[in-house]
PDB file of all heavy atoms in Angstrom:
ATOM      1  N   ALA A   1      31.554  -9.856   5.547  1.00  0.00           N
ATOM      2  CA  ALA A   1      31.985 -10.894   4.608  1.00  0.00           C
ATOM      3  C   ALA A   1      32.728 -10.273   3.425  1.00  0.00           C
ATOM      4  O   ALA A   1      32.354  -9.209   2.925  1.00  0.00           O
ATOM      5  CB  ALA A   1      30.789 -11.691   4.116  1.00  0.00           C
ATOM      6  N   ASN A   2      33.782 -10.959   3.010  1.00  0.00           N
ATOM      7  CA  ASN A   2      34.563 -10.541   1.845  1.00  0.00           C
ATOM      8  C   ASN A   2      34.786 -11.740   0.942  1.00  0.00           C
ATOM      9  O   ASN A   2      35.206 -12.815   1.408  1.00  0.00           O
ATOM     10  CB  ASN A   2      35.924  -9.977   2.271  1.00  0.00           C
ATOM     11  CG  ASN A   2      35.800  -8.658   2.997  1.00  0.00           C
ATOM     12  OD1 ASN A   2      35.763  -7.605   2.384  1.00  0.00           O
ATOM     13  ND2 ASN A   2      35.722  -8.712   4.324  1.00  0.00           N
ATOM     14  N   TYR A   3      34.487 -11.572  -0.329  1.00  0.00           N
ATOM     15  CA  TYR A   3      34.691 -12.628  -1.314  1.00  0.00           C
ATOM     16  C   TYR A   3      35.462 -12.036  -2.491  1.00  0.00           C
ATOM     17  O   TYR A   3      35.240 -10.884  -2.868  1.00  0.00           O
ATOM     18  CB  TYR A   3      33.362 -13.200  -1.802  1.00  0.00           C
ATOM     19  CG  TYR A   3      32.436 -13.636  -0.698  1.00  0.00           C
ATOM     20  CD1 TYR A   3      31.462 -12.779  -0.207  1.00  0.00           C
ATOM     21  CD2 TYR A   3      32.548 -14.900  -0.127  1.00  0.00           C
ATOM     22  CE1 TYR A   3      30.612 -13.172   0.815  1.00  0.00           C
ATOM     23  CE2 TYR A   3      31.709 -15.303   0.896  1.00  0.00           C
ATOM     24  CZ  TYR A   3      30.735 -14.426   1.360  1.00  0.00           C
ATOM     25  OH  TYR A   3      29.901 -14.820   2.381  1.00  0.00           O
ATOM     26  N   ALA A   4      36.357 -12.830  -3.067  1.00  0.00           N
ATOM     27  CA  ALA A   4      37.164 -12.320  -4.169  1.00  0.00           C
ATOM     28  C   ALA A   4      37.452 -13.412  -5.187  1.00  0.00           C
ATOM     29  O   ALA A   4      37.677 -14.575  -4.825  1.00  0.00           O
ATOM     30  CB  ALA A   4      38.477 -11.744  -3.657  1.00  0.00           C
ATOM     31  N   ILE A   5      37.399 -13.027  -6.449  1.00  0.00           N
ATOM     32  CA  ILE A   5      37.846 -13.858  -7.563  1.00  0.00           C
ATOM     33  C   ILE A   5      39.154 -13.259  -8.052  1.00  0.00           C
ATOM     34  O   ILE A   5      39.202 -12.079  -8.439  1.00  0.00           O
ATOM     35  CB  ILE A   5      36.804 -13.890  -8.693  1.00  0.00           C
ATOM     36  CG1 ILE A   5      35.537 -14.608  -8.211  1.00  0.00           C
ATOM     37  CG2 ILE A   5      37.364 -14.571  -9.931  1.00  0.00           C
ATOM     38  CD1 ILE A   5      34.414 -14.587  -9.218  1.00  0.00           C
ATOM     39  N   ASN A   6      40.217 -14.051  -8.024  1.00  0.00           N
ATOM     40  CA  ASN A   6      41.553 -13.531  -8.296  1.00  0.00           C
ATOM     41  C   ASN A   6      42.172 -14.167  -9.536  1.00  0.00           C
ATOM     42  O   ASN A   6      42.077 -15.382  -9.737  1.00  0.00           O
ATOM     43  CB  ASN A   6      42.478 -13.785  -7.094  1.00  0.00           C
ATOM     44  CG  ASN A   6      41.883 -13.270  -5.798  1.00  0.00           C
ATOM     45  OD1 ASN A   6      41.483 -12.116  -5.710  1.00  0.00           O
ATOM     46  ND2 ASN A   6      41.813 -14.129  -4.794  1.00  0.00           N
ATOM     47  N   ASP A   7      42.815 -13.328 -10.334  1.00  0.00           N
ATOM     48  CA  ASP A   7      43.608 -13.803 -11.480  1.00  0.00           C
ATOM     49  C   ASP A   7      42.825 -14.765 -12.355  1.00  0.00           C
ATOM     50  O   ASP A   7      43.299 -15.850 -12.704  1.00  0.00           O
ATOM     51  CB  ASP A   7      44.898 -14.468 -11.001  1.00  0.00           C
ATOM     52  CG  ASP A   7      45.775 -13.508 -10.219  1.00  0.00           C
ATOM     53  OD1 ASP A   7      45.822 -12.334 -10.594  1.00  0.00           O
ATOM     54  OD2 ASP A   7      46.387 -13.941  -9.225  1.00  0.00           O
ATOM     55  N   LEU A   8      41.621 -14.376 -12.726  1.00  0.00           N
ATOM     56  CA  LEU A   8      40.802 -15.221 -13.597  1.00  0.00           C
ATOM     57  C   LEU A   8      41.382 -15.217 -15.004  1.00  0.00           C
ATOM     58  O   LEU A   8      41.633 -14.169 -15.588  1.00  0.00           O
ATOM     59  CB  LEU A   8      39.357 -14.717 -13.618  1.00  0.00           C
ATOM     60  CG  LEU A   8      38.330 -15.576 -14.356  1.00  0.00           C
ATOM     61  CD1 LEU A   8      36.954 -15.415 -13.720  1.00  0.00           C
ATOM     62  CD2 LEU A   8      38.239 -15.244 -15.845  1.00  0.00           C
ATOM     63  N   GLU A   9      41.580 -16.415 -15.545  1.00  0.00           N
ATOM     64  CA  GLU A   9      42.073 -16.589 -16.913  1.00  0.00           C
ATOM     65  C   GLU A   9      41.141 -17.564 -17.623  1.00  0.00           C
ATOM     66  O   GLU A   9      40.957 -18.696 -17.178  1.00  0.00           O
ATOM     67  CB  GLU A   9      43.500 -17.146 -16.913  1.00  0.00           C
ATOM     68  CG  GLU A   9      44.516 -16.337 -16.118  1.00  0.00           C
ATOM     69  CD  GLU A   9      45.122 -15.202 -16.938  1.00  0.00           C
ATOM     70  OE1 GLU A   9      44.976 -15.242 -18.183  1.00  0.00           O
ATOM     71  OE2 GLU A   9      45.725 -14.297 -16.347  1.00  0.00           O
ATOM     72  N   LEU A  10      40.549 -17.123 -18.737  1.00  0.00           N
ATOM     73  CA  LEU A  10      39.609 -17.963 -19.485  1.00  0.00           C
ATOM     74  C   LEU A  10      39.931 -17.880 -20.959  1.00  0.00           C
ATOM     75  O   LEU A  10      40.133 -16.790 -21.504  1.00  0.00           O
ATOM     76  CB  LEU A  10      38.165 -17.500 -19.252  1.00  0.00           C
ATOM     77  CG  LEU A  10      37.089 -18.145 -20.137  1.00  0.00           C
ATOM     78  CD1 LEU A  10      36.954 -19.633 -19.814  1.00  0.00           C
ATOM     79  CD2 LEU A  10      35.752 -17.434 -19.976  1.00  0.00           C
ATOM     80  N   SER A  11      39.967 -19.029 -21.609  1.00  0.00           N
ATOM     81  CA  SER A  11      40.143 -19.054 -23.058  1.00  0.00           C
ATOM     82  C   SER A  11      39.260 -20.152 -23.635  1.00  0.00           C
ATOM     83  O   SER A  11      39.066 -21.196 -23.015  1.00  0.00           O
ATOM     84  CB  SER A  11      41.605 -19.304 -23.439  1.00  0.00           C
ATOM     85  OG  SER A  11      42.034 -20.578 -22.979  1.00  0.00           O
ATOM     86  N   THR A  12      38.701 -19.879 -24.799  1.00  0.00           N
ATOM     87  CA  THR A  12      37.836 -20.854 -25.454  1.00  0.00           C
ATOM     88  C   THR A  12      38.180 -20.939 -26.935  1.00  0.00           C
ATOM     89  O   THR A  12      38.778 -20.025 -27.506  1.00  0.00           O
ATOM     90  CB  THR A  12      36.349 -20.473 -25.322  1.00  0.00           C
ATOM     91  OG1 THR A  12      36.046 -19.388 -26.210  1.00  0.00           O
ATOM     92  CG2 THR A  12      35.996 -20.079 -23.898  1.00  0.00           C
ATOM     93  N   SER A  13      37.740 -22.028 -27.528  1.00  0.00           N
ATOM     94  CA  SER A  13      37.764 -22.122 -28.983  1.00  0.00           C
ATOM     95  C   SER A  13      36.433 -21.564 -29.497  1.00  0.00           C
ATOM     96  O   SER A  13      35.734 -20.850 -28.782  1.00  0.00           O
ATOM     97  CB  SER A  13      37.961 -23.578 -29.404  1.00  0.00           C
ATOM     98  OG  SER A  13      36.880 -24.378 -28.943  1.00  0.00           O
ATOM     99  N   ARG A  14      36.060 -21.889 -30.688  1.00  0.00           N
ATOM    100  CA  ARG A  14      34.819 -21.375 -31.279  1.00  0.00           C
ATOM    101  C   ARG A  14      33.602 -21.777 -30.440  1.00  0.00           C
ATOM    102  O   ARG A  14      33.482 -22.910 -30.004  1.00  0.00           O
ATOM    103  CB  ARG A  14      34.660 -21.919 -32.694  1.00  0.00           C
ATOM    104  CG  ARG A  14      33.390 -21.465 -33.404  1.00  0.00           C
ATOM    105  CD  ARG A  14      33.200 -22.201 -34.705  1.00  0.00           C
ATOM    106  NE  ARG A  14      31.914 -21.877 -35.320  1.00  0.00           N
ATOM    107  CZ  ARG A  14      31.345 -22.608 -36.272  1.00  0.00           C
ATOM    108  NH1 ARG A  14      31.955 -23.704 -36.713  1.00  0.00           N
ATOM    109  NH2 ARG A  14      30.184 -22.250 -36.783  1.00  0.00           N
ATOM    110  N   ILE A  15      32.710 -20.797 -30.193  1.00  0.00           N
ATOM    111  CA  ILE A  15      31.492 -21.030 -29.431  1.00  0.00           C
ATOM    112  C   ILE A  15      30.305 -20.901 -30.368  1.00  0.00           C
ATOM    113  O   ILE A  15      30.010 -19.808 -30.876  1.00  0.00           O
ATOM    114  CB  ILE A  15      31.351 -20.027 -28.269  1.00  0.00           C
ATOM    115  CG1 ILE A  15      32.560 -20.115 -27.340  1.00  0.00           C
ATOM    116  CG2 ILE A  15      30.076 -20.287 -27.486  1.00  0.00           C
ATOM    117  CD1 ILE A  15      32.538 -19.092 -26.222  1.00  0.00           C
ATOM    118  N   ALA A  16      29.630 -22.008 -30.614  1.00  0.00           N
ATOM    119  CA  ALA A  16      28.456 -22.033 -31.488  1.00  0.00           C
ATOM    120  C   ALA A  16      27.648 -23.279 -31.157  1.00  0.00           C
ATOM    121  O   ALA A  16      28.195 -24.273 -30.650  1.00  0.00           O
ATOM    122  CB  ALA A  16      28.871 -22.038 -32.962  1.00  0.00           C
ATOM    123  N   PRO A  17      26.342 -23.268 -31.414  1.00  0.00           N
ATOM    124  CA  PRO A  17      25.512 -24.445 -31.121  1.00  0.00           C
ATOM    125  C   PRO A  17      26.013 -25.684 -31.850  1.00  0.00           C
ATOM    126  O   PRO A  17      26.390 -25.631 -33.024  1.00  0.00           O
ATOM    127  CB  PRO A  17      24.122 -24.020 -31.625  1.00  0.00           C
ATOM    128  CG  PRO A  17      24.132 -22.529 -31.552  1.00  0.00           C
ATOM    129  CD  PRO A  17      25.530 -22.128 -31.894  1.00  0.00           C
ATOM    130  N   ASN A  18      26.026 -26.798 -31.115  1.00  0.00           N
ATOM    131  CA  ASN A  18      26.393 -28.109 -31.650  1.00  0.00           C
ATOM    132  C   ASN A  18      27.838 -28.172 -32.152  1.00  0.00           C
ATOM    133  O   ASN A  18      28.176 -29.012 -32.986  1.00  0.00           O
ATOM    134  CB  ASN A  18      25.432 -28.523 -32.772  1.00  0.00           C
ATOM    135  CG  ASN A  18      24.000 -28.637 -32.285  1.00  0.00           C
ATOM    136  OD1 ASN A  18      23.719 -29.322 -31.305  1.00  0.00           O
ATOM    137  ND2 ASN A  18      23.087 -27.951 -32.971  1.00  0.00           N
ATOM    138  N   VAL A  19      28.677 -27.289 -31.647  1.00  0.00           N
ATOM    139  CA  VAL A  19      30.102 -27.305 -31.973  1.00  0.00           C
ATOM    140  C   VAL A  19      30.883 -27.538 -30.681  1.00  0.00           C
ATOM    141  O   VAL A  19      30.679 -26.814 -29.711  1.00  0.00           O
ATOM    142  CB  VAL A  19      30.539 -25.970 -32.607  1.00  0.00           C
ATOM    143  CG1 VAL A  19      32.052 -25.936 -32.790  1.00  0.00           C
ATOM    144  CG2 VAL A  19      29.835 -25.757 -33.933  1.00  0.00           C
ATOM    145  N   PRO A  20      31.749 -28.544 -30.619  1.00  0.00           N
ATOM    146  CA  PRO A  20      32.538 -28.763 -29.402  1.00  0.00           C
ATOM    147  C   PRO A  20      33.407 -27.553 -29.080  1.00  0.00           C
ATOM    148  O   PRO A  20      34.195 -27.097 -29.907  1.00  0.00           O
ATOM    149  CB  PRO A  20      33.398 -29.989 -29.753  1.00  0.00           C
ATOM    150  CG  PRO A  20      32.642 -30.681 -30.843  1.00  0.00           C
ATOM    151  CD  PRO A  20      31.993 -29.589 -31.635  1.00  0.00           C
ATOM    152  N   VAL A  21      33.236 -27.025 -27.881  1.00  0.00           N
ATOM    153  CA  VAL A  21      33.949 -25.821 -27.454  1.00  0.00           C
ATOM    154  C   VAL A  21      35.010 -26.215 -26.432  1.00  0.00           C
ATOM    155  O   VAL A  21      34.684 -26.729 -25.357  1.00  0.00           O
ATOM    156  CB  VAL A  21      32.985 -24.800 -26.820  1.00  0.00           C
ATOM    157  CG1 VAL A  21      33.743 -23.522 -26.457  1.00  0.00           C
ATOM    158  CG2 VAL A  21      31.823 -24.499 -27.750  1.00  0.00           C
ATOM    159  N   LYS A  22      36.245 -25.981 -26.744  1.00  0.00           N
ATOM    160  CA  LYS A  22      37.317 -26.255 -25.786  1.00  0.00           C
ATOM    161  C   LYS A  22      37.413 -25.087 -24.807  1.00  0.00           C
ATOM    162  O   LYS A  22      37.500 -23.927 -25.232  1.00  0.00           O
ATOM    163  CB  LYS A  22      38.642 -26.480 -26.503  1.00  0.00           C
ATOM    164  CG  LYS A  22      38.677 -27.758 -27.336  1.00  0.00           C
ATOM    165  CD  LYS A  22      40.055 -27.998 -27.888  1.00  0.00           C
ATOM    166  CE  LYS A  22      40.093 -29.296 -28.702  1.00  0.00           C
ATOM    167  NZ  LYS A  22      39.805 -30.476 -27.852  1.00  0.00           N
ATOM    168  N   ILE A  23      37.409 -25.399 -23.507  1.00  0.00           N
ATOM    169  CA  ILE A  23      37.412 -24.380 -22.462  1.00  0.00           C
ATOM    170  C   ILE A  23      38.583 -24.627 -21.521  1.00  0.00           C
ATOM    171  O   ILE A  23      38.813 -25.753 -21.080  1.00  0.00           O
ATOM    172  CB  ILE A  23      36.096 -24.401 -21.662  1.00  0.00           C
ATOM    173  CG1 ILE A  23      34.904 -24.118 -22.588  1.00  0.00           C
ATOM    174  CG2 ILE A  23      36.127 -23.389 -20.527  1.00  0.00           C
ATOM    175  CD1 ILE A  23      33.566 -24.283 -21.902  1.00  0.00           C
ATOM    176  N   ALA A  24      39.310 -23.567 -21.218  1.00  0.00           N
ATOM    177  CA  ALA A  24      40.384 -23.621 -20.209  1.00  0.00           C
ATOM    178  C   ALA A  24      40.161 -22.463 -19.247  1.00  0.00           C
ATOM    179  O   ALA A  24      40.117 -21.303 -19.664  1.00  0.00           O
ATOM    180  CB  ALA A  24      41.753 -23.525 -20.868  1.00  0.00           C
ATOM    181  N   LEU A  25      40.002 -22.788 -17.971  1.00  0.00           N
ATOM    182  CA  LEU A  25      39.713 -21.778 -16.959  1.00  0.00           C
ATOM    183  C   LEU A  25      40.635 -21.973 -15.768  1.00  0.00           C
ATOM    184  O   LEU A  25      40.790 -23.083 -15.266  1.00  0.00           O
ATOM    185  CB  LEU A  25      38.250 -21.878 -16.507  1.00  0.00           C
ATOM    186  CG  LEU A  25      37.851 -21.032 -15.295  1.00  0.00           C
ATOM    187  CD1 LEU A  25      37.899 -19.548 -15.644  1.00  0.00           C
ATOM    188  CD2 LEU A  25      36.456 -21.420 -14.798  1.00  0.00           C
ATOM    189  N   ALA A  26      41.222 -20.874 -15.313  1.00  0.00           N
ATOM    190  CA  ALA A  26      42.021 -20.879 -14.091  1.00  0.00           C
ATOM    191  C   ALA A  26      41.590 -19.681 -13.263  1.00  0.00           C
ATOM    192  O   ALA A  26      41.494 -18.560 -13.779  1.00  0.00           O
ATOM    193  CB  ALA A  26      43.511 -20.800 -14.403  1.00  0.00           C
ATOM    194  N   VAL A  27      41.311 -19.902 -11.971  1.00  0.00           N
ATOM    195  CA  VAL A  27      40.831 -18.813 -11.129  1.00  0.00           C
ATOM    196  C   VAL A  27      41.111 -19.131  -9.670  1.00  0.00           C
ATOM    197  O   VAL A  27      41.059 -20.284  -9.250  1.00  0.00           O
ATOM    198  CB  VAL A  27      39.311 -18.589 -11.350  1.00  0.00           C
ATOM    199  CG1 VAL A  27      38.513 -19.829 -10.993  1.00  0.00           C
ATOM    200  CG2 VAL A  27      38.811 -17.382 -10.554  1.00  0.00           C
ATOM    201  N   GLY A  28      41.411 -18.098  -8.912  1.00  0.00           N
ATOM    202  CA  GLY A  28      41.556 -18.229  -7.467  1.00  0.00           C
ATOM    203  C   GLY A  28      40.346 -17.629  -6.779  1.00  0.00           C
ATOM    204  O   GLY A  28      39.798 -16.617  -7.232  1.00  0.00           O
ATOM    205  N   VAL A  29      39.909 -18.251  -5.696  1.00  0.00           N
ATOM    206  CA  VAL A  29      38.748 -17.784  -4.944  1.00  0.00           C
ATOM    207  C   VAL A  29      39.138 -17.695  -3.469  1.00  0.00           C
ATOM    208  O   VAL A  29      39.663 -18.657  -2.901  1.00  0.00           O
ATOM    209  CB  VAL A  29      37.540 -18.729  -5.103  1.00  0.00           C
ATOM    210  CG1 VAL A  29      36.352 -18.215  -4.296  1.00  0.00           C
ATOM    211  CG2 VAL A  29      37.163 -18.871  -6.569  1.00  0.00           C
ATOM    212  N   THR A  30      38.888 -16.530  -2.859  1.00  0.00           N
ATOM    213  CA  THR A  30      39.148 -16.353  -1.432  1.00  0.00           C
ATOM    214  C   THR A  30      37.906 -15.794  -0.759  1.00  0.00           C
ATOM    215  O   THR A  30      37.109 -15.086  -1.370  1.00  0.00           O
ATOM    216  CB  THR A  30      40.332 -15.394  -1.194  1.00  0.00           C
ATOM    217  OG1 THR A  30      40.045 -14.130  -1.797  1.00  0.00           O
ATOM    218  CG2 THR A  30      41.609 -15.957  -1.790  1.00  0.00           C
ATOM    219  N   ALA A  31      37.734 -16.128   0.510  1.00  0.00           N
ATOM    220  CA  ALA A  31      36.597 -15.649   1.295  1.00  0.00           C
ATOM    221  C   ALA A  31      36.955 -15.737   2.765  1.00  0.00           C
ATOM    222  O   ALA A  31      37.836 -16.511   3.158  1.00  0.00           O
ATOM    223  CB  ALA A  31      35.345 -16.469   0.995  1.00  0.00           C
ATOM    224  N   ASN A  32      36.254 -14.934   3.581  1.00  0.00           N
ATOM    225  CA  ASN A  32      36.471 -15.009   5.026  1.00  0.00           C
ATOM    226  C   ASN A  32      35.261 -15.579   5.775  1.00  0.00           C
ATOM    227  O   ASN A  32      35.359 -15.900   6.944  1.00  0.00           O
ATOM    228  CB  ASN A  32      36.823 -13.622   5.580  1.00  0.00           C
ATOM    229  CG  ASN A  32      35.689 -12.623   5.449  1.00  0.00           C
ATOM    230  OD1 ASN A  32      34.741 -12.829   4.687  1.00  0.00           O
ATOM    231  ND2 ASN A  32      35.773 -11.519   6.180  1.00  0.00           N
ATOM    232  N   GLN A  33      34.110 -15.686   5.098  1.00  0.00           N
ATOM    233  CA  GLN A  33      32.904 -16.258   5.715  1.00  0.00           C
ATOM    234  C   GLN A  33      32.164 -17.111   4.672  1.00  0.00           C
ATOM    235  O   GLN A  33      31.343 -16.566   3.909  1.00  0.00           O
ATOM    236  CB  GLN A  33      31.982 -15.144   6.230  1.00  0.00           C
ATOM    237  CG  GLN A  33      32.548 -14.284   7.334  1.00  0.00           C
ATOM    238  CD  GLN A  33      31.572 -13.205   7.783  1.00  0.00           C
ATOM    239  OE1 GLN A  33      30.371 -13.244   7.502  1.00  0.00           O
ATOM    240  NE2 GLN A  33      32.068 -12.209   8.505  1.00  0.00           N
ATOM    241  N   PRO A  34      32.440 -18.410   4.600  1.00  0.00           N
ATOM    242  CA  PRO A  34      33.402 -19.174   5.401  1.00  0.00           C
ATOM    243  C   PRO A  34      34.829 -18.965   4.896  1.00  0.00           C
ATOM    244  O   PRO A  34      35.035 -18.452   3.798  1.00  0.00           O
ATOM    245  CB  PRO A  34      32.951 -20.611   5.179  1.00  0.00           C
ATOM    246  CG  PRO A  34      32.396 -20.593   3.783  1.00  0.00           C
ATOM    247  CD  PRO A  34      31.712 -19.254   3.645  1.00  0.00           C
ATOM    248  N   LYS A  35      35.788 -19.388   5.700  1.00  0.00           N
ATOM    249  CA  LYS A  35      37.184 -19.225   5.341  1.00  0.00           C
ATOM    250  C   LYS A  35      37.510 -20.099   4.137  1.00  0.00           C
ATOM    251  O   LYS A  35      37.265 -21.305   4.131  1.00  0.00           O
ATOM    252  CB  LYS A  35      38.077 -19.613   6.529  1.00  0.00           C
ATOM    253  CG  LYS A  35      39.543 -19.316   6.304  1.00  0.00           C
ATOM    254  CD  LYS A  35      40.363 -19.657   7.539  1.00  0.00           C
ATOM    255  CE  LYS A  35      41.847 -19.384   7.304  1.00  0.00           C
ATOM    256  NZ  LYS A  35      42.648 -19.737   8.496  1.00  0.00           N
ATOM    257  N   LEU A  36      38.058 -19.462   3.112  1.00  0.00           N
ATOM    258  CA  LEU A  36      38.301 -20.174   1.856  1.00  0.00           C
ATOM    259  C   LEU A  36      39.466 -19.526   1.126  1.00  0.00           C
ATOM    260  O   LEU A  36      39.560 -18.298   1.041  1.00  0.00           O
ATOM    261  CB  LEU A  36      37.044 -20.129   0.981  1.00  0.00           C
ATOM    262  CG  LEU A  36      37.051 -20.920  -0.327  1.00  0.00           C
ATOM    263  CD1 LEU A  36      37.051 -22.415  -0.033  1.00  0.00           C
ATOM    264  CD2 LEU A  36      35.841 -20.556  -1.173  1.00  0.00           C
ATOM    265  N   ALA A  37      40.349 -20.348   0.592  1.00  0.00           N
ATOM    266  CA  ALA A  37      41.457 -19.871  -0.237  1.00  0.00           C
ATOM    267  C   ALA A  37      41.857 -21.009  -1.163  1.00  0.00           C
ATOM    268  O   ALA A  37      42.645 -21.888  -0.789  1.00  0.00           O
ATOM    269  CB  ALA A  37      42.641 -19.425   0.611  1.00  0.00           C
ATOM    270  N   ILE A  38      41.280 -21.023  -2.371  1.00  0.00           N
ATOM    271  CA  ILE A  38      41.505 -22.145  -3.285  1.00  0.00           C
ATOM    272  C   ILE A  38      41.919 -21.634  -4.660  1.00  0.00           C
ATOM    273  O   ILE A  38      41.637 -20.498  -5.034  1.00  0.00           O
ATOM    274  CB  ILE A  38      40.248 -23.027  -3.423  1.00  0.00           C
ATOM    275  CG1 ILE A  38      39.071 -22.202  -3.973  1.00  0.00           C
ATOM    276  CG2 ILE A  38      39.889 -23.673  -2.107  1.00  0.00           C
ATOM    277  CD1 ILE A  38      37.857 -23.040  -4.302  1.00  0.00           C
ATOM    278  N   GLN A  39      42.566 -22.509  -5.392  1.00  0.00           N
ATOM    279  CA  GLN A  39      42.923 -22.256  -6.788  1.00  0.00           C
ATOM    280  C   GLN A  39      42.283 -23.351  -7.627  1.00  0.00           C
ATOM    281  O   GLN A  39      42.421 -24.537  -7.316  1.00  0.00           O
ATOM    282  CB  GLN A  39      44.445 -22.277  -6.972  1.00  0.00           C
ATOM    283  CG  GLN A  39      44.901 -22.085  -8.413  1.00  0.00           C
ATOM    284  CD  GLN A  39      44.566 -20.722  -8.971  1.00  0.00           C
ATOM    285  OE1 GLN A  39      44.646 -19.722  -8.258  1.00  0.00           O
ATOM    286  NE2 GLN A  39      44.188 -20.664 -10.242  1.00  0.00           N
TER     287      GLN A  39
END
């Protein structure tokens, strides 16, 4: 089995309790068991 996380990009605003945190995440995931190739 082979699994991979590709070109992960993550950015956030301020992270603190009870503060709205803006999150933007982009990532590719590939695998051969089961067959998977998604963005």
